[in-house]
């Protein structure tokens, strides 16, 4: 996986990637509780090769989101992911800040 070196708007990047014929998924923070690293509306775009731009949280949470995006690109079925301190997986993916986030991941069909 490789992050883009540009600091462009993730939605503009998604549009450009779709125009290039890439498979693209968009992850969007849809809800936060307590301490969360990124606000609602933050985006992470991922292509079929694992390239990404933007941020929905940081660290291992983004790795988990990118991993889920691969499945979503294949199936086309959107998914809501939740990470939080009350969730056993939160410690596994590194969200120990005391907050929770919900992230919608969906495929962009051009």
C-alpha atoms as a PDB file:
ATOM      1  CA  UNK A   1       0.000   0.000   0.000  1.00  0.00           C
ATOM      2  CA  UNK A   2       1.157   3.454  -0.723  1.00  0.00           C
ATOM      3  CA  UNK A   3      -0.160   6.860   0.283  1.00  0.00           C
ATOM      4  CA  UNK A   4      -0.285   9.559  -2.318  1.00  0.00           C
ATOM      5  CA  UNK A   5       2.309  12.276  -1.831  1.00  0.00           C
ATOM      6  CA  UNK A   6      -0.232  14.973  -2.759  1.00  0.00           C
ATOM      7  CA  UNK A   7      -2.258  16.741  -0.093  1.00  0.00           C
ATOM      8  CA  UNK A   8      -5.317  17.103  -2.291  1.00  0.00           C
ATOM      9  CA  UNK A   9      -8.956  16.908  -1.316  1.00  0.00           C
ATOM     10  CA  UNK A  10      -9.664  13.168  -1.059  1.00  0.00           C
ATOM     11  CA  UNK A  11     -12.920  13.514  -3.004  1.00  0.00           C
ATOM     12  CA  UNK A  12     -11.097  15.235  -5.871  1.00  0.00           C
ATOM     13  CA  UNK A  13      -8.556  12.406  -5.807  1.00  0.00           C
ATOM     14  CA  UNK A  14     -11.389   9.847  -5.924  1.00  0.00           C
ATOM     15  CA  UNK A  15     -12.908  11.579  -8.934  1.00  0.00           C
ATOM     16  CA  UNK A  16      -9.554  11.661 -10.742  1.00  0.00           C
ATOM     17  CA  UNK A  17      -8.907   7.988  -9.987  1.00  0.00           C
ATOM     18  CA  UNK A  18     -12.353   6.972 -11.273  1.00  0.00           C
ATOM     19  CA  UNK A  19     -11.684   8.960 -14.466  1.00  0.00           C
ATOM     20  CA  UNK A  20      -8.414   7.015 -14.830  1.00  0.00           C
ATOM     21  CA  UNK A  21     -10.403   3.776 -14.709  1.00  0.00           C
ATOM     22  CA  UNK A  22      -9.302   2.710 -11.231  1.00  0.00           C
ATOM     23  CA  UNK A  23     -11.535   0.867  -8.786  1.00  0.00           C
ATOM     24  CA  UNK A  24     -12.214   3.276  -5.918  1.00  0.00           C
ATOM     25  CA  UNK A  25     -13.732   3.061  -2.447  1.00  0.00           C
ATOM     26  CA  UNK A  26     -14.487   5.999  -0.179  1.00  0.00           C
ATOM     27  CA  UNK A  27     -14.446   5.752   3.613  1.00  0.00           C
ATOM     28  CA  UNK A  28     -16.287   8.507   5.470  1.00  0.00           C
ATOM     29  CA  UNK A  29     -16.428   9.191   9.212  1.00  0.00           C
ATOM     30  CA  UNK A  30     -20.184   9.243   9.864  1.00  0.00           C
ATOM     31  CA  UNK A  31     -20.261   9.432  13.650  1.00  0.00           C
ATOM     32  CA  UNK A  32     -17.911  10.063  16.566  1.00  0.00           C
ATOM     33  CA  UNK A  33     -18.241   9.833  20.346  1.00  0.00           C
ATOM     34  CA  UNK A  34     -15.789  11.209  22.878  1.00  0.00           C
ATOM     35  CA  UNK A  35     -12.210  11.695  21.777  1.00  0.00           C
ATOM     36  CA  UNK A  36     -11.820  11.014  18.052  1.00  0.00           C
ATOM     37  CA  UNK A  37      -8.791  11.868  15.904  1.00  0.00           C
ATOM     38  CA  UNK A  38     -10.808  13.047  12.859  1.00  0.00           C
ATOM     39  CA  UNK A  39     -14.189  14.836  12.674  1.00  0.00           C
ATOM     40  CA  UNK A  40     -17.392  13.612  11.043  1.00  0.00           C
ATOM     41  CA  UNK A  41     -17.140  14.050   7.276  1.00  0.00           C
ATOM     42  CA  UNK A  42     -13.450  13.141   7.051  1.00  0.00           C
ATOM     43  CA  UNK A  43     -12.628  10.962   4.022  1.00  0.00           C
ATOM     44  CA  UNK A  44     -10.134   8.298   3.048  1.00  0.00           C
ATOM     45  CA  UNK A  45     -10.124   7.115  -0.588  1.00  0.00           C
ATOM     46  CA  UNK A  46      -8.603   3.788  -1.550  1.00  0.00           C
ATOM     47  CA  UNK A  47      -7.979   2.310  -4.993  1.00  0.00           C
ATOM     48  CA  UNK A  48      -7.824  -1.317  -6.049  1.00  0.00           C
ATOM     49  CA  UNK A  49      -4.026  -1.340  -5.766  1.00  0.00           C
ATOM     50  CA  UNK A  50      -4.071  -0.196  -2.125  1.00  0.00           C
ATOM     51  CA  UNK A  51      -3.099   3.416  -2.820  1.00  0.00           C
ATOM     52  CA  UNK A  52      -4.871   5.854  -0.536  1.00  0.00           C
ATOM     53  CA  UNK A  53      -5.370   9.552   0.171  1.00  0.00           C
ATOM     54  CA  UNK A  54      -6.942  11.323   3.147  1.00  0.00           C
ATOM     55  CA  UNK A  55      -7.589  10.156   6.689  1.00  0.00           C
ATOM     56  CA  UNK A  56     -10.413   8.819   8.848  1.00  0.00           C
ATOM     57  CA  UNK A  57      -8.453   8.185  12.026  1.00  0.00           C
ATOM     58  CA  UNK A  58      -4.811   7.259  11.796  1.00  0.00           C
ATOM     59  CA  UNK A  59      -2.605   4.353  12.624  1.00  0.00           C
ATOM     60  CA  UNK A  60      -3.965   0.840  12.599  1.00  0.00           C
ATOM     61  CA  UNK A  61      -7.601   1.942  12.252  1.00  0.00           C
ATOM     62  CA  UNK A  62      -6.825   3.173   8.761  1.00  0.00           C
ATOM     63  CA  UNK A  63      -5.073  -0.098   7.992  1.00  0.00           C
ATOM     64  CA  UNK A  64      -8.234  -1.966   9.003  1.00  0.00           C
ATOM     65  CA  UNK A  65     -10.386   0.367   6.866  1.00  0.00           C
ATOM     66  CA  UNK A  66      -8.085  -0.121   3.863  1.00  0.00           C
ATOM     67  CA  UNK A  67      -8.278  -3.880   4.345  1.00  0.00           C
ATOM     68  CA  UNK A  68     -12.088  -3.776   4.396  1.00  0.00           C
ATOM     69  CA  UNK A  69     -12.099  -1.551   1.304  1.00  0.00           C
ATOM     70  CA  UNK A  70     -10.519  -4.372  -0.715  1.00  0.00           C
ATOM     71  CA  UNK A  71     -13.522  -6.604   0.052  1.00  0.00           C
ATOM     72  CA  UNK A  72     -15.965  -3.793  -0.671  1.00  0.00           C
ATOM     73  CA  UNK A  73     -14.321  -3.106  -4.032  1.00  0.00           C
ATOM     74  CA  UNK A  74     -14.807  -6.773  -4.913  1.00  0.00           C
ATOM     75  CA  UNK A  75     -18.396  -7.198  -3.682  1.00  0.00           C
ATOM     76  CA  UNK A  76     -19.766  -3.680  -4.175  1.00  0.00           C
ATOM     77  CA  UNK A  77     -21.566  -3.996  -0.839  1.00  0.00           C
ATOM     78  CA  UNK A  78     -21.101  -0.957   1.449  1.00  0.00           C
ATOM     79  CA  UNK A  79     -20.249  -1.555   5.093  1.00  0.00           C
ATOM     80  CA  UNK A  80     -20.304   0.461   8.316  1.00  0.00           C
ATOM     81  CA  UNK A  81     -17.287  -0.179  10.530  1.00  0.00           C
ATOM     82  CA  UNK A  82     -17.138   0.791  14.187  1.00  0.00           C
ATOM     83  CA  UNK A  83     -14.008   1.231  16.268  1.00  0.00           C
ATOM     84  CA  UNK A  84     -14.010   2.167  19.916  1.00  0.00           C
ATOM     85  CA  UNK A  85     -12.556   1.539  23.314  1.00  0.00           C
ATOM     86  CA  UNK A  86     -15.577  -0.586  24.273  1.00  0.00           C
ATOM     87  CA  UNK A  87     -15.019  -2.798  21.238  1.00  0.00           C
ATOM     88  CA  UNK A  88     -12.492  -5.580  21.722  1.00  0.00           C
ATOM     89  CA  UNK A  89     -11.104  -4.798  18.267  1.00  0.00           C
ATOM     90  CA  UNK A  90     -10.341  -1.195  19.277  1.00  0.00           C
ATOM     91  CA  UNK A  91      -7.307  -2.262  21.263  1.00  0.00           C
ATOM     92  CA  UNK A  92      -6.294  -4.554  18.435  1.00  0.00           C
ATOM     93  CA  UNK A  93      -6.318  -1.702  15.890  1.00  0.00           C
ATOM     94  CA  UNK A  94      -4.969   0.950  18.227  1.00  0.00           C
ATOM     95  CA  UNK A  95      -7.960   3.175  19.095  1.00  0.00           C
ATOM     96  CA  UNK A  96      -7.321   3.503  22.805  1.00  0.00           C
ATOM     97  CA  UNK A  97      -8.029   7.257  23.071  1.00  0.00           C
ATOM     98  CA  UNK A  98     -11.350   6.633  24.804  1.00  0.00           C
ATOM     99  CA  UNK A  99     -13.515   7.563  21.835  1.00  0.00           C
ATOM    100  CA  UNK A 100     -15.456   5.686  19.196  1.00  0.00           C
ATOM    101  CA  UNK A 101     -15.899   6.243  15.483  1.00  0.00           C
ATOM    102  CA  UNK A 102     -18.196   4.838  12.819  1.00  0.00           C
ATOM    103  CA  UNK A 103     -16.945   4.753   9.242  1.00  0.00           C
ATOM    104  CA  UNK A 104     -18.995   4.091   6.113  1.00  0.00           C
ATOM    105  CA  UNK A 105     -16.981   2.406   3.369  1.00  0.00           C
ATOM    106  CA  UNK A 106     -18.525   2.234  -0.097  1.00  0.00           C
ATOM    107  CA  UNK A 107     -17.442   1.562  -3.651  1.00  0.00           C
ATOM    108  CA  UNK A 108     -17.617   4.386  -6.164  1.00  0.00           C
ATOM    109  CA  UNK A 109     -19.131   3.255  -9.416  1.00  0.00           C
ATOM    110  CA  UNK A 110     -18.156   5.515 -12.292  1.00  0.00           C
END
